Protein backbone atom coordinates (compact mmCIF):
# COMPACT_ATOMS: atom_id res chain seq x y z
CA MET A 1 12.45 32.13 -13.53
CA GLU A 2 12.57 34.62 -10.67
CA TRP A 3 9.70 33.31 -8.56
CA THR A 4 10.09 36.04 -5.94
CA ARG A 5 9.02 38.60 -8.54
CA MET A 6 5.79 36.72 -9.32
CA PRO A 7 2.45 37.47 -7.63
CA SER A 8 0.88 34.61 -5.70
CA LEU A 9 -0.81 31.86 -7.68
CA ALA A 10 -3.89 32.23 -5.46
CA SER A 11 -4.36 35.87 -6.47
CA LEU A 12 -3.85 35.08 -10.17
CA ARG A 13 -6.39 32.25 -9.96
CA ALA A 14 -8.90 34.48 -8.16
CA PHE A 15 -8.57 37.16 -10.82
CA ALA A 16 -8.93 34.62 -13.63
CA VAL A 17 -12.19 33.34 -12.11
CA VAL A 18 -13.46 36.93 -11.64
CA ALA A 19 -12.76 37.58 -15.31
CA GLU A 20 -14.61 34.38 -16.24
CA THR A 21 -17.70 34.90 -14.05
CA GLY A 22 -17.97 38.68 -14.24
CA THR A 23 -18.73 39.09 -10.50
CA LEU A 24 -16.89 38.82 -7.22
CA ALA A 25 -19.73 36.82 -5.71
CA GLY A 26 -19.72 34.39 -8.66
CA ALA A 27 -15.98 33.92 -8.33
CA GLY A 28 -16.43 33.28 -4.62
CA ARG A 29 -18.95 30.52 -5.30
CA VAL A 30 -16.61 28.85 -7.80
CA LEU A 31 -13.65 29.02 -5.42
CA ASN A 32 -15.77 28.22 -2.35
CA VAL A 33 -14.67 31.38 -0.52
CA SER A 34 -16.40 34.66 0.36
CA HIS A 35 -16.64 37.48 -2.19
CA ALA A 36 -14.67 39.61 0.29
CA ALA A 37 -11.78 37.13 0.10
CA VAL A 38 -11.87 37.30 -3.70
CA SER A 39 -11.92 41.10 -3.57
CA GLN A 40 -8.88 41.06 -1.29
CA GLN A 41 -6.96 38.84 -3.71
CA VAL A 42 -7.79 41.14 -6.64
CA ARG A 43 -6.72 44.22 -4.67
CA ALA A 44 -3.44 42.50 -3.78
CA LEU A 45 -2.86 41.80 -7.47
CA GLU A 46 -3.60 45.43 -8.39
CA ALA A 47 -1.15 46.58 -5.71
CA PHE A 48 1.51 44.25 -7.11
CA PHE A 49 1.12 45.64 -10.66
CA GLY A 50 0.34 49.20 -9.60
CA ALA A 51 -2.57 49.21 -12.02
CA GLN A 52 -6.34 48.92 -11.79
CA LEU A 53 -7.59 45.63 -13.24
CA VAL A 54 -11.36 45.82 -12.60
CA VAL A 55 -14.00 48.53 -12.24
CA ARG A 56 -17.51 48.24 -10.90
CA GLN A 57 -20.23 48.08 -13.54
CA GLY A 58 -23.81 47.81 -12.32
CA ARG A 59 -24.05 44.73 -10.08
CA GLY A 60 -20.93 43.23 -11.55
CA ILE A 61 -17.49 44.27 -12.63
CA ALA A 62 -15.76 45.09 -15.92
CA LEU A 63 -12.13 44.58 -16.82
CA THR A 64 -9.87 47.48 -17.59
CA ARG A 65 -7.54 47.33 -20.60
CA GLU A 66 -4.77 46.01 -18.34
CA GLY A 67 -7.20 43.55 -16.81
CA ARG A 68 -8.28 42.21 -20.21
CA GLY A 69 -4.68 41.68 -21.27
CA LEU A 70 -3.85 39.82 -18.05
CA ALA A 71 -7.03 37.73 -18.26
CA GLU A 72 -6.25 36.59 -21.82
CA ASN A 73 -2.74 35.47 -20.86
CA LEU A 74 -3.94 33.78 -17.68
CA ASP A 75 -6.62 31.90 -19.62
CA GLU A 76 -3.94 30.47 -21.91
CA ALA A 77 -1.55 29.74 -19.03
CA PHE A 78 -4.16 28.00 -16.86
CA SER A 79 -5.35 25.98 -19.89
CA ILE A 80 -1.81 24.67 -20.35
CA MET A 81 -1.59 23.86 -16.65
CA ARG A 82 -4.95 22.08 -16.76
CA ARG A 83 -3.86 19.92 -19.71
CA ALA A 84 -0.64 18.99 -17.88
CA VAL A 85 -2.58 18.07 -14.73
CA ASP A 86 -5.12 16.01 -16.72
CA GLU A 87 -2.41 14.14 -18.62
CA LEU A 88 -0.55 13.31 -15.42
CA ALA A 89 -3.75 12.24 -13.66
CA ARG A 90 -4.73 9.98 -16.56
CA ALA A 91 -1.26 8.46 -16.68
CA ASP A 92 -1.33 7.81 -12.92
CA ILE A 93 -4.75 6.14 -13.09
CA ALA A 94 -3.70 4.07 -16.11
CA ARG A 95 -0.46 2.92 -14.48
CA PRO A 96 -0.72 -0.71 -13.29
CA LEU A 97 -1.44 -1.19 -9.60
CA GLN A 98 1.71 -2.78 -8.15
CA VAL A 99 1.36 -5.08 -5.14
CA THR A 100 4.20 -7.03 -3.54
CA MET A 101 3.94 -9.89 -1.06
CA THR A 102 5.83 -13.04 -0.06
CA PRO A 103 5.38 -15.96 -2.46
CA ALA A 104 3.84 -18.05 0.33
CA PHE A 105 1.23 -15.39 1.05
CA GLY A 106 0.58 -14.94 -2.66
CA VAL A 107 -0.10 -18.60 -3.40
CA SER A 108 -1.84 -19.47 -0.13
CA TRP A 109 -3.98 -16.40 0.57
CA LEU A 110 -4.12 -13.97 -2.33
CA MET A 111 -4.41 -16.12 -5.45
CA PRO A 112 -7.50 -18.07 -4.27
CA ARG A 113 -9.29 -14.70 -3.93
CA ILE A 114 -7.83 -12.47 -6.63
CA SER A 115 -10.28 -13.51 -9.38
CA GLU A 116 -13.04 -11.82 -7.37
CA PHE A 117 -11.19 -8.49 -7.44
CA ARG A 118 -10.53 -8.80 -11.17
CA HIS A 119 -14.19 -9.53 -11.78
CA ARG A 120 -15.23 -6.46 -9.78
CA HIS A 121 -12.59 -4.17 -11.29
CA PRO A 122 -11.73 -5.28 -14.83
CA GLU A 123 -10.59 -1.72 -15.57
CA ILE A 124 -7.64 -1.97 -13.14
CA GLU A 125 -4.44 -3.45 -14.50
CA LEU A 126 -2.82 -5.41 -11.68
CA MET A 127 0.86 -6.27 -11.29
CA LEU A 128 1.64 -8.80 -8.53
CA ASN A 129 5.25 -9.18 -7.42
CA PRO A 130 5.71 -12.22 -5.13
CA THR A 131 9.13 -11.88 -3.53
CA ALA A 132 10.74 -12.50 -0.17
CA GLU A 133 12.84 -9.35 -0.63
CA VAL A 134 11.71 -6.12 1.05
CA VAL A 135 10.85 -3.90 -1.91
CA GLU A 136 11.39 -0.15 -1.45
CA MET A 137 8.19 1.85 -1.80
CA GLU A 138 9.02 4.80 -4.05
CA PRO A 139 6.60 7.15 -5.87
CA GLY A 140 5.63 5.64 -9.21
CA GLY A 141 6.60 2.14 -8.05
CA VAL A 142 5.03 -0.33 -5.61
CA ASP A 143 1.65 0.90 -4.33
CA LEU A 144 1.05 -1.73 -1.66
CA ALA A 145 3.27 -4.17 0.22
CA ILE A 146 1.80 -7.03 2.24
CA ARG A 147 4.45 -7.66 4.87
CA TYR A 148 4.83 -10.00 7.83
CA GLY A 149 5.75 -8.49 11.18
CA GLN A 150 4.27 -6.38 13.93
CA GLY A 151 3.27 -3.45 11.74
CA ARG A 152 6.10 -1.08 12.54
CA TRP A 153 7.94 0.16 9.46
CA SER A 154 9.52 3.61 9.67
CA GLY A 155 8.04 6.26 7.38
CA LEU A 156 5.22 4.01 6.15
CA GLN A 157 1.58 3.47 7.08
CA SER A 158 0.38 -0.01 7.97
CA GLU A 159 -2.78 -1.73 9.09
CA PRO A 160 -3.25 -5.40 10.06
CA LEU A 161 -4.76 -7.82 7.59
CA LEU A 162 -4.18 -11.28 9.09
CA PHE A 163 -2.86 -12.14 12.53
CA THR A 164 -1.10 -15.49 12.57
CA SER A 165 1.53 -17.23 14.65
CA PHE A 166 4.88 -18.46 13.34
CA VAL A 167 5.39 -22.22 13.52
CA ILE A 168 8.10 -24.81 13.06
CA VAL A 169 6.25 -27.59 11.34
CA ALA A 170 6.84 -30.91 9.59
CA ALA A 171 4.89 -33.74 8.04
CA ARG A 172 4.02 -36.57 10.41
CA SER A 173 5.49 -38.93 7.82
CA LEU A 174 8.89 -37.28 8.44
CA VAL A 175 9.01 -36.74 12.22
CA GLY A 176 6.49 -39.28 13.44
CA ASP A 177 4.71 -38.78 16.78
CA ALA A 178 7.75 -38.26 19.02
CA ASP A 179 8.12 -35.10 21.09
CA TYR A 180 11.02 -32.76 20.42
CA PRO A 181 11.40 -30.61 23.54
CA ASP A 182 14.99 -29.76 22.54
CA PRO A 183 15.06 -27.58 19.40
CA ALA A 184 18.65 -28.69 18.76
CA LYS A 185 17.39 -32.20 17.90
CA LEU A 186 15.65 -30.77 14.84
CA GLN A 187 19.06 -30.16 13.26
CA GLU A 188 19.10 -33.84 12.41
CA PHE A 189 16.30 -33.38 9.86
CA PRO A 190 16.42 -31.82 6.40
CA TRP A 191 14.94 -28.30 6.24
CA LEU A 192 12.99 -26.35 3.65
CA GLN A 193 13.25 -22.56 3.47
CA GLU A 194 11.67 -19.94 1.24
CA ILE A 195 14.24 -18.31 -1.05
CA GLY A 196 15.41 -14.93 0.20
CA THR A 197 14.52 -15.51 3.87
CA HIS A 198 16.61 -16.43 6.90
CA GLU A 199 13.81 -17.62 9.15
CA ILE A 200 15.41 -20.93 10.13
CA ALA A 201 18.71 -19.45 11.33
CA GLN A 202 16.87 -16.63 13.10
CA TRP A 203 14.54 -19.05 14.89
CA LEU A 204 17.38 -21.39 15.99
CA ASP A 205 19.29 -18.36 17.25
CA ARG A 206 16.27 -17.22 19.30
CA GLN A 207 16.13 -20.71 20.86
CA GLY A 208 19.78 -20.49 21.83
CA VAL A 209 20.69 -23.46 19.62
CA VAL A 210 24.42 -23.79 18.96
CA SER A 211 24.97 -25.27 15.52
CA THR A 212 26.61 -28.68 15.42
CA GLY A 213 27.41 -28.27 11.73
CA SER A 214 25.82 -26.96 8.57
CA LEU A 215 22.09 -27.61 8.26
CA ASN A 216 20.72 -29.58 5.35
CA ILE A 217 18.62 -26.73 3.90
CA LEU A 218 16.85 -26.70 0.55
CA HIS A 219 15.92 -23.18 -0.61
CA LEU A 220 12.71 -23.03 -2.66
CA PRO A 221 10.10 -20.59 -3.90
CA GLY A 222 7.28 -20.26 -1.38
CA TYR A 223 4.74 -22.43 -3.18
CA MET A 224 7.27 -25.22 -3.71
CA MET A 225 8.33 -25.03 -0.07
CA LEU A 226 4.76 -25.59 1.09
CA GLU A 227 4.30 -28.52 -1.28
CA GLY A 228 7.60 -30.07 -0.18
CA LEU A 229 6.56 -29.61 3.44
CA ARG A 230 3.32 -31.51 2.84
CA ARG A 231 5.21 -34.33 1.09
CA GLY A 232 7.51 -34.77 4.07
CA GLU A 233 10.67 -33.49 2.41
CA GLY A 234 11.76 -31.36 5.36
CA VAL A 235 11.01 -29.29 8.45
CA SER A 236 10.06 -25.70 7.76
CA ALA A 237 9.18 -22.35 9.35
CA THR A 238 6.06 -20.63 8.11
CA ALA A 239 2.88 -18.76 9.05
CA ARG A 240 0.34 -21.08 10.64
CA ALA A 241 -2.58 -19.59 8.70
CA PHE A 242 -1.34 -21.09 5.43
CA ILE A 243 -1.21 -24.68 6.66
CA GLU A 244 -4.03 -24.75 9.23
CA PRO A 245 -6.09 -27.34 7.29
CA ASP A 246 -3.06 -29.67 7.15
CA ILE A 247 -2.51 -29.25 10.89
CA ARG A 248 -6.15 -29.98 11.67
CA SER A 249 -6.10 -33.09 9.50
CA GLY A 250 -3.03 -34.39 11.31
CA ALA A 251 -0.88 -34.48 8.18
CA LEU A 252 1.42 -31.77 9.58
CA ARG A 253 2.67 -31.44 13.14
CA VAL A 254 3.47 -28.16 14.88
CA LEU A 255 6.75 -28.78 16.68
CA PHE A 256 7.21 -25.26 18.05
CA GLU A 257 5.09 -22.14 17.86
CA ASP A 258 5.90 -18.46 18.39
CA VAL A 259 2.87 -16.39 19.34
CA LEU A 260 3.75 -12.68 19.49
CA PRO A 261 1.11 -9.94 19.95
CA GLY A 262 0.40 -8.17 16.69
CA ASN A 263 2.41 -10.58 14.55
CA GLY A 264 0.94 -11.20 11.15
CA TYR A 265 0.49 -9.76 7.71
CA HIS A 266 -0.03 -6.03 7.32
CA LEU A 267 -1.09 -3.73 4.48
CA VAL A 268 1.76 -1.26 4.05
CA THR A 269 1.47 1.94 2.00
CA ARG A 270 3.24 5.27 1.62
CA PRO A 271 1.74 8.25 3.46
CA GLY A 272 -0.25 10.70 1.38
CA VAL A 273 -3.04 10.67 -1.19
CA GLN A 274 -3.82 7.21 -2.58
CA ARG A 275 -4.52 6.51 -6.23
CA PRO A 276 -8.09 5.37 -7.08
CA PRO A 277 -6.92 1.85 -8.09
CA LEU A 278 -5.16 1.46 -4.73
CA LYS A 279 -8.25 2.65 -2.86
CA ALA A 280 -10.33 0.06 -4.72
CA PHE A 281 -7.87 -2.74 -3.95
CA LEU A 282 -7.62 -1.82 -0.26
CA SER A 283 -11.40 -1.68 0.06
CA TRP A 284 -11.67 -5.13 -1.52
CA ILE A 285 -8.93 -6.79 0.54
CA ARG A 286 -10.30 -5.32 3.78
CA SER A 287 -13.64 -6.96 3.00
CA HIS A 288 -11.92 -10.35 3.44
CA ARG A 289 -10.52 -9.73 6.92
CA ASP A 290 -13.67 -10.91 8.73
CA LEU A 291 -13.61 -14.14 6.74
CA GLU A 292 -10.38 -15.38 8.31
CA PRO A 293 -10.40 -18.23 10.87
CA GLY A 294 -10.50 -17.25 14.52
CA PRO A 295 -8.03 -17.74 17.38
CA GLU A 296 -9.00 -21.37 17.89
CA THR A 297 -7.24 -22.18 14.60
CA GLY A 298 -4.15 -20.10 15.34
CA ALA A 299 -5.03 -17.36 12.85
CA ALA A 300 -6.87 -14.65 14.72
CA ALA A 301 -9.23 -12.60 12.62
CA ILE A 302 -9.32 -8.82 12.60
CA ARG A 303 -12.80 -7.54 13.29
CA THR A 304 -13.68 -4.31 11.53
């Protein structure tokens, strides 16, 4: 189709509404513009065709023969467009809401709360994807990613959900009560790491630890890692917020802690218009931010 030889869609729409309402003022009210703006669009259309499309008749207007022919075709064309828009909108609303997060966040934070969302919004089909991999956010795919970091991801929008420090932690039954001022000494213990992450190697590297050999690392899904940690099966690196009760009880010991401004879990979305199911989920999850423990527990709340 040669689009350069087509009149503007705005002028065609204005004329179609004039034909439907019978007055310039009525068309202006429908389109939420002045009747002068509608008149200008109709005159532009008449100039394009080189033919008169409307004539004044009393307080309104009447269509010429050319105007009636154009109006009939536009009515059919806009009806087809409307059906296409409605079908796409319904399909988009019906598409499951896709949310991705780390397995540890899913089992420790989201799953204890998710039944409340499902009770409030039984009409929304929810698809949760717990993975340590960074999932690309493409149109028609993942709607929301809950990611750990400082909230800076290029090309995406983010807002904080849960501030929490990053800790190296172990069960007291494994490490006892001794101090470990030298991070290198921790290489003597077995380690537990969430599948798909490299947090242990990254942390040791930040501490300047030179490896004395291969670490004894067991890679596990997030929920299994946390359970193994509590049973004393290894040292691990995780967000403090998930194990705060175990730390307070004395069952787990924080051996080292990284506290970086802004570090925590963030709600990450694509820029642009958000689907109604996503808006509902974001509204719900934001309502839980004030319920998080405060700084005295190592998981600073976000006050909204």
